[in-house]
Amino acid sequence: MKRLIFAGCLLLASGTASLADGMFWVVGNRATGKCNIVTKNPVIYGDIWFGDGPYKSRADAKIARSGIRACPALTPDEQKEEDGADKPAD
């Protein structure tokens, strides 16, 4: 019986970890004064002062970032750089 419970817990833990795959979070970086979109659940410590999410797509995270007061607007150069990061390399 203990083996069955242990196996169930192990299965549940591995399934929960895989649910975070493909998710996006918005994090505020105090050192740079900017907000970044990351693909791993952020640890709020040190220079990271907040995390918001998860979001199912990068586009959803961008929309959320634009609505967060602590996040400054991106400059046109930063916007181009970020848009280029979304496209796969040829």
PDB file of N, CA and C in Angstrom:
ATOM      1  N   MET A   1       0.824  -1.197   0.000  1.00  0.00           N
ATOM      2  CA  MET A   1       0.000   0.000   0.000  1.00  0.00           C
ATOM      3  C   MET A   1       0.866   1.258   0.000  1.00  0.00           C
ATOM      4  N   LYS A   2       1.959   1.228   0.774  1.00  0.00           N
ATOM      5  CA  LYS A   2       2.855   2.383   0.815  1.00  0.00           C
ATOM      6  C   LYS A   2       3.479   2.632  -0.551  1.00  0.00           C
ATOM      7  N   ARG A   3       3.789   1.559  -1.269  1.00  0.00           N
ATOM      8  CA  ARG A   3       4.377   1.711  -2.603  1.00  0.00           C
ATOM      9  C   ARG A   3       3.394   2.389  -3.549  1.00  0.00           C
ATOM     10  N   LEU A   4       2.146   2.023  -3.443  1.00  0.00           N
ATOM     11  CA  LEU A   4       1.121   2.607  -4.294  1.00  0.00           C
ATOM     12  C   LEU A   4       0.961   4.100  -4.010  1.00  0.00           C
ATOM     13  N   ILE A   5       0.948   4.473  -2.752  1.00  0.00           N
ATOM     14  CA  ILE A   5       0.839   5.889  -2.378  1.00  0.00           C
ATOM     15  C   ILE A   5       2.064   6.654  -2.845  1.00  0.00           C
ATOM     16  N   PHE A   6       3.248   6.076  -2.660  1.00  0.00           N
ATOM     17  CA  PHE A   6       4.482   6.726  -3.103  1.00  0.00           C
ATOM     18  C   PHE A   6       4.486   6.905  -4.620  1.00  0.00           C
ATOM     19  N   ALA A   7       4.056   5.878  -5.349  1.00  0.00           N
ATOM     20  CA  ALA A   7       4.014   5.962  -6.813  1.00  0.00           C
ATOM     21  C   ALA A   7       3.023   7.035  -7.260  1.00  0.00           C
ATOM     22  N   GLY A   8       1.884   7.127  -6.575  1.00  0.00           N
ATOM     23  CA  GLY A   8       0.899   8.154  -6.902  1.00  0.00           C
ATOM     24  C   GLY A   8       1.433   9.551  -6.666  1.00  0.00           C
ATOM     25  N   CYS A   9       2.129   9.742  -5.551  1.00  0.00           N
ATOM     26  CA  CYS A   9       2.731  11.054  -5.249  1.00  0.00           C
ATOM     27  C   CYS A   9       3.788  11.421  -6.271  1.00  0.00           C
ATOM     28  N   LEU A  10       4.598  10.458  -6.644  1.00  0.00           N
ATOM     29  CA  LEU A  10       5.646  10.698  -7.641  1.00  0.00           C
ATOM     30  C   LEU A  10       5.036  11.065  -8.995  1.00  0.00           C
ATOM     31  N   LEU A  11       3.991  10.373  -9.381  1.00  0.00           N
ATOM     32  CA  LEU A  11       3.312  10.671 -10.635  1.00  0.00           C
ATOM     33  C   LEU A  11       2.686  12.060 -10.607  1.00  0.00           C
ATOM     34  N   LEU A  12       2.065  12.406  -9.500  1.00  0.00           N
ATOM     35  CA  LEU A  12       1.455  13.728  -9.359  1.00  0.00           C
ATOM     36  C   LEU A  12       2.505  14.829  -9.414  1.00  0.00           C
ATOM     37  N   ALA A  13       3.631  14.643  -8.754  1.00  0.00           N
ATOM     38  CA  ALA A  13       4.692  15.658  -8.752  1.00  0.00           C
ATOM     39  C   ALA A  13       5.271  15.858 -10.145  1.00  0.00           C
ATOM     40  N   SER A  14       5.491  14.788 -10.877  1.00  0.00           N
ATOM     41  CA  SER A  14       6.063  14.931 -12.223  1.00  0.00           C
ATOM     42  C   SER A  14       5.049  15.546 -13.176  1.00  0.00           C
ATOM     43  N   GLY A  15       3.785  15.255 -13.009  1.00  0.00           N
ATOM     44  CA  GLY A  15       2.749  15.844 -13.856  1.00  0.00           C
ATOM     45  C   GLY A  15       2.592  17.326 -13.612  1.00  0.00           C
ATOM     46  N   THR A  16       2.682  17.750 -12.370  1.00  0.00           N
ATOM     47  CA  THR A  16       2.557  19.165 -12.021  1.00  0.00           C
ATOM     48  C   THR A  16       3.710  19.972 -12.600  1.00  0.00           C
ATOM     49  N   ALA A  17       4.919  19.421 -12.569  1.00  0.00           N
ATOM     50  CA  ALA A  17       6.073  20.131 -13.114  1.00  0.00           C
ATOM     51  C   ALA A  17       5.946  20.315 -14.618  1.00  0.00           C
ATOM     52  N   SER A  18       5.368  19.352 -15.295  1.00  0.00           N
ATOM     53  CA  SER A  18       5.260  19.475 -16.753  1.00  0.00           C
ATOM     54  C   SER A  18       4.174  20.460 -17.176  1.00  0.00           C
ATOM     55  N   LEU A  19       3.252  20.797 -16.278  1.00  0.00           N
ATOM     56  CA  LEU A  19       2.219  21.768 -16.625  1.00  0.00           C
ATOM     57  C   LEU A  19       2.786  23.163 -16.865  1.00  0.00           C
ATOM     58  N   ALA A  20       3.930  23.474 -16.277  1.00  0.00           N
ATOM     59  CA  ALA A  20       4.530  24.795 -16.427  1.00  0.00           C
ATOM     60  C   ALA A  20       5.244  24.960 -17.769  1.00  0.00           C
ATOM     61  N   ASP A  21       5.444  23.873 -18.504  1.00  0.00           N
ATOM     62  CA  ASP A  21       6.095  23.964 -19.812  1.00  0.00           C
ATOM     63  C   ASP A  21       5.248  24.813 -20.753  1.00  0.00           C
ATOM     64  N   GLY A  22       5.890  25.699 -21.466  1.00  0.00           N
ATOM     65  CA  GLY A  22       5.184  26.529 -22.426  1.00  0.00           C
ATOM     66  C   GLY A  22       4.466  27.713 -21.805  1.00  0.00           C
ATOM     67  N   MET A  23       4.724  28.008 -20.548  1.00  0.00           N
ATOM     68  CA  MET A  23       4.086  29.134 -19.872  1.00  0.00           C
ATOM     69  C   MET A  23       5.058  30.314 -19.806  1.00  0.00           C
ATOM     70  N   PHE A  24       4.496  31.506 -19.603  1.00  0.00           N
ATOM     71  CA  PHE A  24       5.288  32.729 -19.572  1.00  0.00           C
ATOM     72  C   PHE A  24       4.907  33.549 -18.347  1.00  0.00           C
ATOM     73  N   TRP A  25       5.889  34.231 -17.758  1.00  0.00           N
ATOM     74  CA  TRP A  25       5.685  35.108 -16.612  1.00  0.00           C
ATOM     75  C   TRP A  25       6.286  36.474 -16.908  1.00  0.00           C
ATOM     76  N   VAL A  26       5.704  37.506 -16.330  1.00  0.00           N
ATOM     77  CA  VAL A  26       6.253  38.860 -16.407  1.00  0.00           C
ATOM     78  C   VAL A  26       6.930  39.122 -15.073  1.00  0.00           C
ATOM     79  N   VAL A  27       8.207  39.504 -15.113  1.00  0.00           N
ATOM     80  CA  VAL A  27       8.936  39.789 -13.874  1.00  0.00           C
ATOM     81  C   VAL A  27       9.504  41.201 -13.923  1.00  0.00           C
ATOM     82  N   GLY A  28       9.497  41.851 -12.775  1.00  0.00           N
ATOM     83  CA  GLY A  28      10.089  43.175 -12.649  1.00  0.00           C
ATOM     84  C   GLY A  28      11.503  43.045 -12.134  1.00  0.00           C
ATOM     85  N   ASN A  29      12.452  43.638 -12.835  1.00  0.00           N
ATOM     86  CA  ASN A  29      13.858  43.576 -12.461  1.00  0.00           C
ATOM     87  C   ASN A  29      14.272  44.940 -11.914  1.00  0.00           C
ATOM     88  N   ARG A  30      14.531  44.989 -10.624  1.00  0.00           N
ATOM     89  CA  ARG A  30      14.887  46.242  -9.965  1.00  0.00           C
ATOM     90  C   ARG A  30      16.230  46.786 -10.464  1.00  0.00           C
ATOM     91  N   ALA A  31      17.164  45.908 -10.811  1.00  0.00           N
ATOM     92  CA  ALA A  31      18.494  46.347 -11.247  1.00  0.00           C
ATOM     93  C   ALA A  31      18.442  47.097 -12.570  1.00  0.00           C
ATOM     94  N   THR A  32      17.600  46.630 -13.498  1.00  0.00           N
ATOM     95  CA  THR A  32      17.526  47.270 -14.813  1.00  0.00           C
ATOM     96  C   THR A  32      16.377  48.262 -14.908  1.00  0.00           C
ATOM     97  N   GLY A  33      15.427  48.176 -13.974  1.00  0.00           N
ATOM     98  CA  GLY A  33      14.261  49.055 -14.022  1.00  0.00           C
ATOM     99  C   GLY A  33      13.297  48.683 -15.136  1.00  0.00           C
ATOM    100  N   LYS A  34      13.376  47.443 -15.612  1.00  0.00           N
ATOM    101  CA  LYS A  34      12.536  46.983 -16.711  1.00  0.00           C
ATOM    102  C   LYS A  34      11.778  45.731 -16.298  1.00  0.00           C
ATOM    103  N   CYS A  35      10.820  45.371 -17.127  1.00  0.00           N
ATOM    104  CA  CYS A  35      10.067  44.137 -16.940  1.00  0.00           C
ATOM    105  C   CYS A  35      10.416  43.185 -18.076  1.00  0.00           C
ATOM    106  N   ASN A  36      10.667  41.952 -17.721  1.00  0.00           N
ATOM    107  CA  ASN A  36      11.036  40.947 -18.705  1.00  0.00           C
ATOM    108  C   ASN A  36       9.988  39.845 -18.735  1.00  0.00           C
ATOM    109  N   ILE A  37       9.922  39.145 -19.848  1.00  0.00           N
ATOM    110  CA  ILE A  37       9.070  37.978 -19.972  1.00  0.00           C
ATOM    111  C   ILE A  37       9.986  36.763 -19.922  1.00  0.00           C
ATOM    112  N   VAL A  38       9.690  35.863 -18.986  1.00  0.00           N
ATOM    113  CA  VAL A  38      10.523  34.680 -18.789  1.00  0.00           C
ATOM    114  C   VAL A  38       9.673  33.423 -18.950  1.00  0.00           C
ATOM    115  N   THR A  39      10.344  32.290 -19.165  1.00  0.00           N
ATOM    116  CA  THR A  39       9.640  31.030 -19.391  1.00  0.00           C
ATOM    117  C   THR A  39       9.697  30.093 -18.194  1.00  0.00           C
ATOM    118  N   LYS A  40      10.262  30.541 -17.095  1.00  0.00           N
ATOM    119  CA  LYS A  40      10.302  29.724 -15.875  1.00  0.00           C
ATOM    120  C   LYS A  40       9.681  30.519 -14.742  1.00  0.00           C
ATOM    121  N   ASN A  41       9.020  29.816 -13.852  1.00  0.00           N
ATOM    122  CA  ASN A  41       8.392  30.458 -12.707  1.00  0.00           C
ATOM    123  C   ASN A  41       9.463  31.211 -11.914  1.00  0.00           C
ATOM    124  N   PRO A  42       9.335  32.535 -11.782  1.00  0.00           N
ATOM    125  CA  PRO A  42      10.385  33.318 -11.142  1.00  0.00           C
ATOM    126  C   PRO A  42      10.428  33.141  -9.623  1.00  0.00           C
ATOM    127  N   VAL A  43      11.633  33.259  -9.094  1.00  0.00           N
ATOM    128  CA  VAL A  43      11.828  33.278  -7.648  1.00  0.00           C
ATOM    129  C   VAL A  43      11.970  34.749  -7.266  1.00  0.00           C
ATOM    130  N   ILE A  44      11.091  35.222  -6.402  1.00  0.00           N
ATOM    131  CA  ILE A  44      11.081  36.630  -6.017  1.00  0.00           C
ATOM    132  C   ILE A  44      12.128  36.825  -4.927  1.00  0.00           C
ATOM    133  N   TYR A  45      13.300  37.289  -5.356  1.00  0.00           N
ATOM    134  CA  TYR A  45      14.416  37.448  -4.430  1.00  0.00           C
ATOM    135  C   TYR A  45      15.429  38.384  -5.073  1.00  0.00           C
ATOM    136  N   GLY A  46      16.067  39.215  -4.289  1.00  0.00           N
ATOM    137  CA  GLY A  46      17.116  40.100  -4.800  1.00  0.00           C
ATOM    138  C   GLY A  46      16.564  41.169  -5.718  1.00  0.00           C
ATOM    139  N   ASP A  47      17.045  41.186  -6.957  1.00  0.00           N
ATOM    140  CA  ASP A  47      16.653  42.223  -7.913  1.00  0.00           C
ATOM    141  C   ASP A  47      15.262  42.005  -8.510  1.00  0.00           C
ATOM    142  N   ILE A  48      14.732  40.804  -8.409  1.00  0.00           N
ATOM    143  CA  ILE A  48      13.385  40.532  -8.929  1.00  0.00           C
ATOM    144  C   ILE A  48      12.389  40.909  -7.842  1.00  0.00           C
ATOM    145  N   TRP A  49      11.563  41.941  -8.111  1.00  0.00           N
ATOM    146  CA  TRP A  49      10.671  42.399  -7.054  1.00  0.00           C
ATOM    147  C   TRP A  49       9.225  41.987  -7.257  1.00  0.00           C
ATOM    148  N   PHE A  50       8.845  41.508  -8.427  1.00  0.00           N
ATOM    149  CA  PHE A  50       7.519  40.928  -8.591  1.00  0.00           C
ATOM    150  C   PHE A  50       7.502  39.977  -9.770  1.00  0.00           C
ATOM    151  N   GLY A  51       6.546  39.081  -9.751  1.00  0.00           N
ATOM    152  CA  GLY A  51       6.315  38.163 -10.854  1.00  0.00           C
ATOM    153  C   GLY A  51       4.821  38.053 -11.077  1.00  0.00           C
ATOM    154  N   ASP A  52       4.396  38.032 -12.321  1.00  0.00           N
ATOM    155  CA  ASP A  52       2.985  37.971 -12.650  1.00  0.00           C
ATOM    156  C   ASP A  52       2.782  36.880 -13.697  1.00  0.00           C
ATOM    157  N   GLY A  53       1.832  36.034 -13.482  1.00  0.00           N
ATOM    158  CA  GLY A  53       1.569  34.976 -14.442  1.00  0.00           C
ATOM    159  C   GLY A  53       1.134  33.721 -13.722  1.00  0.00           C
ATOM    160  N   PRO A  54       1.080  32.626 -14.395  1.00  0.00           N
ATOM    161  CA  PRO A  54       1.581  32.325 -15.728  1.00  0.00           C
ATOM    162  C   PRO A  54       0.583  32.693 -16.828  1.00  0.00           C
ATOM    163  N   TYR A  55       1.115  32.863 -18.025  1.00  0.00           N
ATOM    164  CA  TYR A  55       0.324  33.134 -19.218  1.00  0.00           C
ATOM    165  C   TYR A  55       0.584  32.032 -20.226  1.00  0.00           C
ATOM    166  N   LYS A  56      -0.408  31.722 -21.023  1.00  0.00           N
ATOM    167  CA  LYS A  56      -0.299  30.614 -21.974  1.00  0.00           C
ATOM    168  C   LYS A  56       0.537  30.946 -23.197  1.00  0.00           C
ATOM    169  N   SER A  57       0.681  32.231 -23.515  1.00  0.00           N
ATOM    170  CA  SER A  57       1.468  32.603 -24.690  1.00  0.00           C
ATOM    171  C   SER A  57       2.278  33.863 -24.400  1.00  0.00           C
ATOM    172  N   ARG A  58       3.304  34.072 -25.210  1.00  0.00           N
ATOM    173  CA  ARG A  58       4.124  35.272 -25.068  1.00  0.00           C
ATOM    174  C   ARG A  58       3.279  36.515 -25.353  1.00  0.00           C
ATOM    175  N   ALA A  59       2.349  36.403 -26.297  1.00  0.00           N
ATOM    176  CA  ALA A  59       1.483  37.538 -26.630  1.00  0.00           C
ATOM    177  C   ALA A  59       0.623  37.932 -25.427  1.00  0.00           C
ATOM    178  N   ASP A  60       0.105  36.942 -24.699  1.00  0.00           N
ATOM    179  CA  ASP A  60      -0.677  37.241 -23.499  1.00  0.00           C
ATOM    180  C   ASP A  60       0.188  37.928 -22.442  1.00  0.00           C
ATOM    181  N   ALA A  61       1.433  37.472 -22.306  1.00  0.00           N
ATOM    182  CA  ALA A  61       2.341  38.081 -21.330  1.00  0.00           C
ATOM    183  C   ALA A  61       2.672  39.523 -21.730  1.00  0.00           C
ATOM    184  N   LYS A  62       2.815  39.782 -23.029  1.00  0.00           N
ATOM    185  CA  LYS A  62       3.085  41.154 -23.492  1.00  0.00           C
ATOM    186  C   LYS A  62       1.912  42.068 -23.173  1.00  0.00           C
ATOM    187  N   ILE A  63       0.698  41.576 -23.381  1.00  0.00           N
ATOM    188  CA  ILE A  63      -0.489  42.374 -23.071  1.00  0.00           C
ATOM    189  C   ILE A  63      -0.545  42.661 -21.573  1.00  0.00           C
ATOM    190  N   ALA A  64      -0.261  41.650 -20.776  1.00  0.00           N
ATOM    191  CA  ALA A  64      -0.278  41.840 -19.325  1.00  0.00           C
ATOM    192  C   ALA A  64       0.788  42.838 -18.891  1.00  0.00           C
ATOM    193  N   ARG A  65       1.981  42.748 -19.495  1.00  0.00           N
ATOM    194  CA  ARG A  65       3.071  43.662 -19.140  1.00  0.00           C
ATOM    195  C   ARG A  65       2.690  45.104 -19.447  1.00  0.00           C
ATOM    196  N   SER A  66       1.974  45.314 -20.539  1.00  0.00           N
ATOM    197  CA  SER A  66       1.593  46.679 -20.899  1.00  0.00           C
ATOM    198  C   SER A  66       0.587  47.269 -19.906  1.00  0.00           C
ATOM    199  N   GLY A  67      -0.091  46.413 -19.151  1.00  0.00           N
ATOM    200  CA  GLY A  67      -1.058  46.898 -18.176  1.00  0.00           C
ATOM    201  C   GLY A  67      -0.517  47.015 -16.763  1.00  0.00           C
ATOM    202  N   ILE A  68       0.733  46.664 -16.548  1.00  0.00           N
ATOM    203  CA  ILE A  68       1.334  46.735 -15.215  1.00  0.00           C
ATOM    204  C   ILE A  68       1.999  48.101 -15.057  1.00  0.00           C
ATOM    205  N   ARG A  69       1.573  48.859 -14.078  1.00  0.00           N
ATOM    206  CA  ARG A  69       2.088  50.226 -13.890  1.00  0.00           C
ATOM    207  C   ARG A  69       3.593  50.279 -13.636  1.00  0.00           C
ATOM    208  N   ALA A  70       4.124  49.281 -12.955  1.00  0.00           N
ATOM    209  CA  ALA A  70       5.550  49.286 -12.625  1.00  0.00           C
ATOM    210  C   ALA A  70       6.440  49.034 -13.840  1.00  0.00           C
ATOM    211  N   CYS A  71       5.851  48.584 -14.939  1.00  0.00           N
ATOM    212  CA  CYS A  71       6.629  48.274 -16.141  1.00  0.00           C
ATOM    213  C   CYS A  71       6.670  49.481 -17.071  1.00  0.00           C
ATOM    214  N   PRO A  72       7.867  50.014 -17.355  1.00  0.00           N
ATOM    215  CA  PRO A  72       7.954  51.137 -18.288  1.00  0.00           C
ATOM    216  C   PRO A  72       7.662  50.677 -19.716  1.00  0.00           C
ATOM    217  N   ALA A  73       7.194  51.591 -20.527  1.00  0.00           N
ATOM    218  CA  ALA A  73       6.927  51.271 -21.936  1.00  0.00           C
ATOM    219  C   ALA A  73       8.241  50.960 -22.648  1.00  0.00           C
ATOM    220  N   LEU A  74       8.181  50.051 -23.608  1.00  0.00           N
ATOM    221  CA  LEU A  74       9.379  49.703 -24.374  1.00  0.00           C
ATOM    222  C   LEU A  74       9.693  50.790 -25.389  1.00  0.00           C
ATOM    223  N   THR A  75      10.970  51.025 -25.616  1.00  0.00           N
ATOM    224  CA  THR A  75      11.388  51.935 -26.673  1.00  0.00           C
ATOM    225  C   THR A  75      11.202  51.212 -28.006  1.00  0.00           C
ATOM    226  N   PRO A  76      11.160  51.944 -29.116  1.00  0.00           N
ATOM    227  CA  PRO A  76      11.019  51.278 -30.424  1.00  0.00           C
ATOM    228  C   PRO A  76      12.121  50.251 -30.694  1.00  0.00           C
ATOM    229  N   ASP A  77      13.357  50.544 -30.270  1.00  0.00           N
ATOM    230  CA  ASP A  77      14.457  49.590 -30.472  1.00  0.00           C
ATOM    231  C   ASP A  77      14.237  48.317 -29.662  1.00  0.00           C
ATOM    232  N   GLU A  78      13.796  48.472 -28.422  1.00  0.00           N
ATOM    233  CA  GLU A  78      13.527  47.304 -27.578  1.00  0.00           C
ATOM    234  C   GLU A  78      12.374  46.486 -28.153  1.00  0.00           C
ATOM    235  N   GLN A  79      11.386  47.175 -28.704  1.00  0.00           N
ATOM    236  CA  GLN A  79      10.240  46.486 -29.301  1.00  0.00           C
ATOM    237  C   GLN A  79      10.681  45.653 -30.501  1.00  0.00           C
ATOM    238  N   LYS A  80      11.523  46.217 -31.367  1.00  0.00           N
ATOM    239  CA  LYS A  80      12.022  45.484 -32.532  1.00  0.00           C
ATOM    240  C   LYS A  80      12.837  44.271 -32.097  1.00  0.00           C
ATOM    241  N   GLU A  81      13.693  44.475 -31.081  1.00  0.00           N
ATOM    242  CA  GLU A  81      14.531  43.386 -30.585  1.00  0.00           C
ATOM    243  C   GLU A  81      13.674  42.257 -30.026  1.00  0.00           C
ATOM    244  N   GLU A  82      12.649  42.603 -29.285  1.00  0.00           N
ATOM    245  CA  GLU A  82      11.776  41.605 -28.702  1.00  0.00           C
ATOM    246  C   GLU A  82      10.955  40.883 -29.767  1.00  0.00           C
ATOM    247  N   ASP A  83      10.474  41.607 -30.750  1.00  0.00           N
ATOM    248  CA  ASP A  83       9.707  40.983 -31.828  1.00  0.00           C
ATOM    249  C   ASP A  83      10.577  40.014 -32.627  1.00  0.00           C
ATOM    250  N   GLY A  84      11.840  40.333 -32.779  1.00  0.00           N
ATOM    251  CA  GLY A  84      12.768  39.442 -33.472  1.00  0.00           C
ATOM    252  C   GLY A  84      13.034  38.189 -32.686  1.00  0.00           C
ATOM    253  N   ALA A  85      12.935  38.260 -31.350  1.00  0.00           N
ATOM    254  CA  ALA A  85      13.176  37.089 -30.505  1.00  0.00           C
ATOM    255  C   ALA A  85      12.036  36.085 -30.605  1.00  0.00           C
ATOM    256  N   ASP A  86      10.847  36.541 -31.011  1.00  0.00           N
ATOM    257  CA  ASP A  86       9.693  35.652 -31.138  1.00  0.00           C
ATOM    258  C   ASP A  86       9.759  34.772 -32.369  1.00  0.00           C
ATOM    259  N   LYS A  87      10.494  35.222 -33.381  1.00  0.00           N
ATOM    260  CA  LYS A  87      10.533  34.494 -34.641  1.00  0.00           C
ATOM    261  C   LYS A  87      11.659  33.459 -34.619  1.00  0.00           C
ATOM    262  N   PRO A  88      11.400  32.258 -35.124  1.00  0.00           N
ATOM    263  CA  PRO A  88      12.452  31.247 -35.171  1.00  0.00           C
ATOM    264  C   PRO A  88      13.534  31.607 -36.182  1.00  0.00           C
ATOM    265  N   ALA A  89      14.759  31.216 -35.895  1.00  0.00           N
ATOM    266  CA  ALA A  89      15.880  31.499 -36.797  1.00  0.00           C
ATOM    267  C   ALA A  89      15.763  30.618 -38.032  1.00  0.00           C
ATOM    268  N   ASP A  90      16.200  31.148 -39.174  1.00  0.00           N
ATOM    269  CA  ASP A  90      16.141  30.381 -40.427  1.00  0.00           C
ATOM    270  C   ASP A  90      17.288  29.415 -40.533  1.00  0.00           C
TER     271      ASP A  90
END
